[in-house]
Amino acid sequence: PTFLVLRRYAPWRWWGVLVVGFILGLPVAVAI
């Protein structure tokens, strides 16, 4: 869902992708 929402803003910069990926990793830690 994040990809589908954010792909309209492409091309992203690499650092923006890192930030979004880091934020998406946090709910996984909470769920585990």
All heavy atoms as atom14 arrays in JSON, in Angstrom:
{
  "sequence": "PTFLVLRRYAPWRWWGVLVVGFILGLPVAVAI",
  "atom14_mask": [
    [1, 1, 1, 1, 1, 1, 1, 0, 0, 0, 0, 0, 0, 0],
    [1, 1, 1, 1, 1, 1, 1, 0, 0, 0, 0, 0, 0, 0],
    [1, 1, 1, 1, 1, 1, 1, 1, 1, 1, 1, 0, 0, 0],
    [1, 1, 1, 1, 1, 1, 1, 1, 0, 0, 0, 0, 0, 0],
    [1, 1, 1, 1, 1, 1, 1, 0, 0, 0, 0, 0, 0, 0],
    [1, 1, 1, 1, 1, 1, 1, 1, 0, 0, 0, 0, 0, 0],
    [1, 1, 1, 1, 1, 1, 1, 1, 1, 1, 1, 0, 0, 0],
    [1, 1, 1, 1, 1, 1, 1, 1, 1, 1, 1, 0, 0, 0],
    [1, 1, 1, 1, 1, 1, 1, 1, 1, 1, 1, 1, 0, 0],
    [1, 1, 1, 1, 1, 0, 0, 0, 0, 0, 0, 0, 0, 0],
    [1, 1, 1, 1, 1, 1, 1, 0, 0, 0, 0, 0, 0, 0],
    [1, 1, 1, 1, 1, 1, 1, 1, 1, 1, 1, 1, 1, 1],
    [1, 1, 1, 1, 1, 1, 1, 1, 1, 1, 1, 0, 0, 0],
    [1, 1, 1, 1, 1, 1, 1, 1, 1, 1, 1, 1, 1, 1],
    [1, 1, 1, 1, 1, 1, 1, 1, 1, 1, 1, 1, 1, 1],
    [1, 1, 1, 1, 0, 0, 0, 0, 0, 0, 0, 0, 0, 0],
    [1, 1, 1, 1, 1, 1, 1, 0, 0, 0, 0, 0, 0, 0],
    [1, 1, 1, 1, 1, 1, 1, 1, 0, 0, 0, 0, 0, 0],
    [1, 1, 1, 1, 1, 1, 1, 0, 0, 0, 0, 0, 0, 0],
    [1, 1, 1, 1, 1, 1, 1, 0, 0, 0, 0, 0, 0, 0],
    [1, 1, 1, 1, 0, 0, 0, 0, 0, 0, 0, 0, 0, 0],
    [1, 1, 1, 1, 1, 1, 1, 1, 1, 1, 1, 0, 0, 0],
    [1, 1, 1, 1, 1, 1, 1, 1, 0, 0, 0, 0, 0, 0],
    [1, 1, 1, 1, 1, 1, 1, 1, 0, 0, 0, 0, 0, 0],
    [1, 1, 1, 1, 0, 0, 0, 0, 0, 0, 0, 0, 0, 0],
    [1, 1, 1, 1, 1, 1, 1, 1, 0, 0, 0, 0, 0, 0],
    [1, 1, 1, 1, 1, 1, 1, 0, 0, 0, 0, 0, 0, 0],
    [1, 1, 1, 1, 1, 1, 1, 0, 0, 0, 0, 0, 0, 0],
    [1, 1, 1, 1, 1, 0, 0, 0, 0, 0, 0, 0, 0, 0],
    [1, 1, 1, 1, 1, 1, 1, 0, 0, 0, 0, 0, 0, 0],
    [1, 1, 1, 1, 1, 0, 0, 0, 0, 0, 0, 0, 0, 0],
    [1, 1, 1, 1, 1, 1, 1, 1, 0, 0, 0, 0, 0, 0]
  ],
  "atom14_positions": [
    [[0.81, -1.22, 0.0], [0.0, 0.0, 0.0], [0.85, 1.28, 0.0], [0.5, 2.26, -0.66], [-0.82, -0.1, 1.29], [-0.83, -1.53, 1.63], [0.46, -2.09, 1.13], [0.0, 0.0, 0.0], [0.0, 0.0, 0.0], [0.0, 0.0, 0.0], [0.0, 0.0, 0.0], [0.0, 0.0, 0.0], [0.0, 0.0, 0.0], [0.0, 0.0, 0.0]],
    [[1.97, 1.25, 0.71], [2.85, 2.42, 0.71], [3.41, 2.68, -0.67], [3.44, 3.82, -1.14], [4.0, 2.22, 1.72], [3.44, 1.98, 3.01], [4.89, 3.44, 1.78], [0.0, 0.0, 0.0], [0.0, 0.0, 0.0], [0.0, 0.0, 0.0], [0.0, 0.0, 0.0], [0.0, 0.0, 0.0], [0.0, 0.0, 0.0], [0.0, 0.0, 0.0]],
    [[3.82, 1.63, -1.35], [4.32, 1.78, -2.72], [3.25, 2.35, -3.64], [3.51, 3.27, -4.42], [4.81, 0.43, -3.26], [5.09, 0.45, -4.73], [6.19, 1.14, -5.23], [4.26, -0.2, -5.61], [6.44, 1.16, -6.59], [4.51, -0.18, -6.97], [5.6, 0.5, -7.46], [0.0, 0.0, 0.0], [0.0, 0.0, 0.0], [0.0, 0.0, 0.0]],
    [[2.03, 1.82, -3.55], [0.96, 2.28, -4.43], [0.6, 3.74, -4.18], [0.29, 4.47, -5.12], [-0.27, 1.38, -4.27], [-0.09, -0.06, -4.75], [-1.33, -0.89, -4.42], [0.22, -0.11, -6.23], [0.0, 0.0, 0.0], [0.0, 0.0, 0.0], [0.0, 0.0, 0.0], [0.0, 0.0, 0.0], [0.0, 0.0, 0.0], [0.0, 0.0, 0.0]],
    [[0.67, 4.17, -2.93], [0.37, 5.57, -2.61], [1.5, 6.5, -3.04], [1.27, 7.56, -3.62], [0.07, 5.73, -1.1], [0.03, 7.18, -0.7], [-1.24, 5.04, -0.75], [0.0, 0.0, 0.0], [0.0, 0.0, 0.0], [0.0, 0.0, 0.0], [0.0, 0.0, 0.0], [0.0, 0.0, 0.0], [0.0, 0.0, 0.0], [0.0, 0.0, 0.0]],
    [[2.72, 6.09, -2.78], [3.85, 6.99, -3.0], [4.44, 6.94, -4.4], [5.25, 7.79, -4.74], [4.96, 6.69, -1.98], [4.58, 6.94, -0.53], [5.75, 6.59, 0.38], [4.16, 8.38, -0.31], [0.0, 0.0, 0.0], [0.0, 0.0, 0.0], [0.0, 0.0, 0.0], [0.0, 0.0, 0.0], [0.0, 0.0, 0.0], [0.0, 0.0, 0.0]],
    [[4.05, 6.0, -5.23], [4.66, 5.91, -6.56], [4.31, 7.09, -7.45], [5.0, 7.38, -8.41], [4.3, 4.6, -7.23], [2.9, 4.53, -7.74], [2.67, 3.24, -8.46], [1.25, 3.14, -8.76], [0.72, 2.21, -9.48], [1.5, 1.28, -9.98], [-0.57, 2.18, -9.7], [0.0, 0.0, 0.0], [0.0, 0.0, 0.0], [0.0, 0.0, 0.0]],
    [[3.25, 7.8, -7.15], [2.91, 8.96, -7.97], [3.87, 10.12, -7.74], [3.91, 11.06, -8.51], [1.47, 9.39, -7.72], [1.22, 9.98, -6.35], [-0.21, 10.38, -6.22], [-0.41, 11.68, -6.82], [-1.18, 12.62, -6.33], [-1.85, 12.39, -5.23], [-1.31, 13.77, -6.91], [0.0, 0.0, 0.0], [0.0, 0.0, 0.0], [0.0, 0.0, 0.0]],
    [[4.69, 10.04, -6.69], [5.69, 11.07, -6.42], [7.06, 10.7, -6.97], [8.04, 11.37, -6.69], [5.81, 11.32, -4.91], [4.51, 11.79, -4.31], [3.78, 10.95, -3.48], [4.01, 13.04, -4.6], [2.58, 11.36, -2.94], [2.81, 13.46, -4.06], [2.11, 12.61, -3.22], [0.92, 13.02, -2.69], [0.0, 0.0, 0.0], [0.0, 0.0, 0.0]],
    [[7.13, 9.64, -7.76], [8.41, 9.15, -8.3], [8.98, 10.17, -9.28], [8.24, 10.9, -9.92], [8.2, 7.81, -8.98], [0.0, 0.0, 0.0], [0.0, 0.0, 0.0], [0.0, 0.0, 0.0], [0.0, 0.0, 0.0], [0.0, 0.0, 0.0], [0.0, 0.0, 0.0], [0.0, 0.0, 0.0], [0.0, 0.0, 0.0], [0.0, 0.0, 0.0]],
    [[10.25, 10.29, -9.44], [11.29, 9.51, -8.77], [11.65, 10.11, -7.42], [11.9, 11.31, -7.31], [12.47, 9.58, -9.74], [12.3, 10.89, -10.42], [10.81, 11.15, -10.48], [0.0, 0.0, 0.0], [0.0, 0.0, 0.0], [0.0, 0.0, 0.0], [0.0, 0.0, 0.0], [0.0, 0.0, 0.0], [0.0, 0.0, 0.0], [0.0, 0.0, 0.0]],
    [[11.66, 9.28, -6.44], [12.07, 9.69, -5.1], [13.57, 9.73, -5.01], [14.28, 9.14, -5.79], [11.55, 8.69, -4.08], [10.17, 8.96, -3.63], [9.09, 9.27, -4.41], [9.7, 8.96, -2.3], [7.99, 9.43, -3.64], [8.34, 9.25, -2.34], [10.29, 8.72, -1.08], [7.57, 9.33, -1.2], [9.53, 8.79, 0.05], [8.19, 9.1, -0.01]],
    [[14.05, 10.42, -4.03], [15.48, 10.4, -3.72], [15.74, 9.2, -2.81], [14.86, 8.72, -2.11], [15.89, 11.68, -3.0], [15.57, 12.92, -3.76], [16.75, 13.28, -4.62], [16.53, 14.59, -5.2], [16.54, 14.82, -6.48], [16.76, 13.84, -7.32], [16.35, 16.02, -6.94], [0.0, 0.0, 0.0], [0.0, 0.0, 0.0], [0.0, 0.0, 0.0]],
    [[16.97, 8.72, -2.8], [17.33, 7.54, -2.02], [17.12, 7.74, -0.54], [16.71, 6.84, 0.16], [18.77, 7.11, -2.33], [19.8, 8.12, -1.91], [20.29, 9.14, -2.68], [20.43, 8.22, -0.65], [21.19, 9.86, -1.96], [21.3, 9.33, -0.7], [20.34, 7.49, 0.53], [22.08, 9.71, 0.38], [21.13, 7.88, 1.6], [21.98, 8.98, 1.51]],
    [[17.37, 8.95, -0.04], [17.24, 9.19, 1.39], [15.78, 9.2, 1.83], [15.46, 8.81, 2.95], [17.95, 10.48, 1.81], [17.59, 11.67, 0.97], [18.24, 12.12, -0.14], [16.48, 12.54, 1.17], [17.6, 13.21, -0.66], [16.51, 13.51, 0.13], [15.46, 12.61, 2.1], [15.57, 14.52, 0.02], [14.53, 13.62, 1.98], [14.59, 14.56, 0.96]],
    [[14.88, 9.62, 0.98], [13.45, 9.56, 1.29], [12.96, 8.13, 1.4], [12.15, 7.79, 2.27], [0.0, 0.0, 0.0], [0.0, 0.0, 0.0], [0.0, 0.0, 0.0], [0.0, 0.0, 0.0], [0.0, 0.0, 0.0], [0.0, 0.0, 0.0], [0.0, 0.0, 0.0], [0.0, 0.0, 0.0], [0.0, 0.0, 0.0], [0.0, 0.0, 0.0]],
    [[13.48, 7.28, 0.53], [13.12, 5.87, 0.56], [13.64, 5.23, 1.85], [12.95, 4.42, 2.48], [13.69, 5.15, -0.68], [13.52, 3.66, -0.59], [13.04, 5.68, -1.94], [0.0, 0.0, 0.0], [0.0, 0.0, 0.0], [0.0, 0.0, 0.0], [0.0, 0.0, 0.0], [0.0, 0.0, 0.0], [0.0, 0.0, 0.0], [0.0, 0.0, 0.0]],
    [[14.85, 5.61, 2.28], [15.39, 5.08, 3.53], [14.53, 5.47, 4.72], [14.27, 4.66, 5.6], [16.82, 5.58, 3.75], [17.9, 4.91, 2.91], [19.25, 5.58, 3.17], [17.98, 3.44, 3.19], [0.0, 0.0, 0.0], [0.0, 0.0, 0.0], [0.0, 0.0, 0.0], [0.0, 0.0, 0.0], [0.0, 0.0, 0.0], [0.0, 0.0, 0.0]],
    [[14.07, 6.71, 4.75], [13.24, 7.18, 5.87], [11.92, 6.43, 5.91], [11.49, 5.95, 6.97], [13.01, 8.71, 5.77], [11.97, 9.17, 6.77], [14.31, 9.46, 5.97], [0.0, 0.0, 0.0], [0.0, 0.0, 0.0], [0.0, 0.0, 0.0], [0.0, 0.0, 0.0], [0.0, 0.0, 0.0], [0.0, 0.0, 0.0], [0.0, 0.0, 0.0]],
    [[11.26, 6.3, 4.76], [9.99, 5.59, 4.71], [10.18, 4.12, 5.1], [9.39, 3.57, 5.86], [9.34, 5.71, 3.31], [8.15, 4.78, 3.17], [8.92, 7.15, 3.06], [0.0, 0.0, 0.0], [0.0, 0.0, 0.0], [0.0, 0.0, 0.0], [0.0, 0.0, 0.0], [0.0, 0.0, 0.0], [0.0, 0.0, 0.0], [0.0, 0.0, 0.0]],
    [[11.24, 3.49, 4.61], [11.51, 2.1, 4.96], [11.77, 1.93, 6.45], [11.31, 0.96, 7.06], [0.0, 0.0, 0.0], [0.0, 0.0, 0.0], [0.0, 0.0, 0.0], [0.0, 0.0, 0.0], [0.0, 0.0, 0.0], [0.0, 0.0, 0.0], [0.0, 0.0, 0.0], [0.0, 0.0, 0.0], [0.0, 0.0, 0.0], [0.0, 0.0, 0.0]],
    [[12.51, 2.87, 7.04], [12.77, 2.8, 8.48], [11.47, 2.9, 9.27], [11.23, 2.14, 10.2], [13.74, 3.92, 8.9], [14.18, 3.81, 10.32], [15.28, 3.06, 10.65], [13.49, 4.45, 11.34], [15.71, 2.94, 11.97], [13.89, 4.34, 12.66], [15.01, 3.58, 12.97], [0.0, 0.0, 0.0], [0.0, 0.0, 0.0], [0.0, 0.0, 0.0]],
    [[10.62, 3.83, 8.86], [9.34, 4.01, 9.54], [8.46, 2.77, 9.39], [7.77, 2.37, 10.34], [8.63, 5.28, 9.02], [9.41, 6.52, 9.46], [7.18, 5.34, 9.49], [8.95, 7.81, 8.81], [0.0, 0.0, 0.0], [0.0, 0.0, 0.0], [0.0, 0.0, 0.0], [0.0, 0.0, 0.0], [0.0, 0.0, 0.0], [0.0, 0.0, 0.0]],
    [[8.5, 2.13, 8.23], [7.7, 0.92, 8.02], [8.26, -0.28, 8.78], [7.54, -1.25, 9.03], [7.6, 0.58, 6.54], [6.75, 1.51, 5.7], [6.78, 1.08, 4.25], [5.34, 1.57, 6.21], [0.0, 0.0, 0.0], [0.0, 0.0, 0.0], [0.0, 0.0, 0.0], [0.0, 0.0, 0.0], [0.0, 0.0, 0.0], [0.0, 0.0, 0.0]],
    [[9.52, -0.24, 9.17], [10.09, -1.32, 9.96], [9.67, -1.28, 11.41], [9.68, -2.3, 12.11], [0.0, 0.0, 0.0], [0.0, 0.0, 0.0], [0.0, 0.0, 0.0], [0.0, 0.0, 0.0], [0.0, 0.0, 0.0], [0.0, 0.0, 0.0], [0.0, 0.0, 0.0], [0.0, 0.0, 0.0], [0.0, 0.0, 0.0], [0.0, 0.0, 0.0]],
    [[9.28, -0.12, 11.9], [8.9, 0.03, 13.31], [7.63, -0.74, 13.69], [7.61, -1.4, 14.74], [8.78, 1.5, 13.67], [10.09, 2.29, 13.54], [9.86, 3.76, 13.86], [11.2, 1.7, 14.38], [0.0, 0.0, 0.0], [0.0, 0.0, 0.0], [0.0, 0.0, 0.0], [0.0, 0.0, 0.0], [0.0, 0.0, 0.0], [0.0, 0.0, 0.0]],
    [[6.56, -0.7, 12.89], [5.39, -1.51, 13.25], [5.67, -3.01, 13.28], [5.04, -3.75, 14.03], [4.35, -1.19, 12.17], [4.79, 0.06, 11.56], [6.27, 0.14, 11.74], [0.0, 0.0, 0.0], [0.0, 0.0, 0.0], [0.0, 0.0, 0.0], [0.0, 0.0, 0.0], [0.0, 0.0, 0.0], [0.0, 0.0, 0.0], [0.0, 0.0, 0.0]],
    [[6.63, -3.45, 12.48], [7.0, -4.87, 12.5], [7.61, -5.22, 13.85], [7.3, -6.26, 14.44], [7.96, -5.19, 11.34], [8.45, -6.61, 11.42], [7.29, -4.92, 10.0], [0.0, 0.0, 0.0], [0.0, 0.0, 0.0], [0.0, 0.0, 0.0], [0.0, 0.0, 0.0], [0.0, 0.0, 0.0], [0.0, 0.0, 0.0], [0.0, 0.0, 0.0]],
    [[8.48, -4.35, 14.36], [9.08, -4.58, 15.68], [8.01, -4.63, 16.76], [8.04, -5.49, 17.65], [10.1, -3.5, 16.0], [0.0, 0.0, 0.0], [0.0, 0.0, 0.0], [0.0, 0.0, 0.0], [0.0, 0.0, 0.0], [0.0, 0.0, 0.0], [0.0, 0.0, 0.0], [0.0, 0.0, 0.0], [0.0, 0.0, 0.0], [0.0, 0.0, 0.0]],
    [[7.06, -3.73, 16.68], [5.98, -3.71, 17.67], [5.15, -4.99, 17.58], [4.81, -5.59, 18.59], [5.09, -2.45, 17.48], [3.85, -2.52, 18.34], [5.89, -1.19, 17.78], [0.0, 0.0, 0.0], [0.0, 0.0, 0.0], [0.0, 0.0, 0.0], [0.0, 0.0, 0.0], [0.0, 0.0, 0.0], [0.0, 0.0, 0.0], [0.0, 0.0, 0.0]],
    [[4.83, -5.42, 16.35], [4.01, -6.62, 16.18], [4.72, -7.88, 16.68], [4.08, -8.77, 17.23], [3.63, -6.78, 14.7], [0.0, 0.0, 0.0], [0.0, 0.0, 0.0], [0.0, 0.0, 0.0], [0.0, 0.0, 0.0], [0.0, 0.0, 0.0], [0.0, 0.0, 0.0], [0.0, 0.0, 0.0], [0.0, 0.0, 0.0], [0.0, 0.0, 0.0]],
    [[6.01, -7.94, 16.48], [6.75, -9.13, 16.9], [6.82, -9.24, 18.42], [6.74, -10.32, 18.98], [8.15, -9.14, 16.26], [8.01, -9.45, 14.78], [9.08, -10.13, 16.94], [9.29, -9.38, 14.0], [0.0, 0.0, 0.0], [0.0, 0.0, 0.0], [0.0, 0.0, 0.0], [0.0, 0.0, 0.0], [0.0, 0.0, 0.0], [0.0, 0.0, 0.0]]
  ]
}
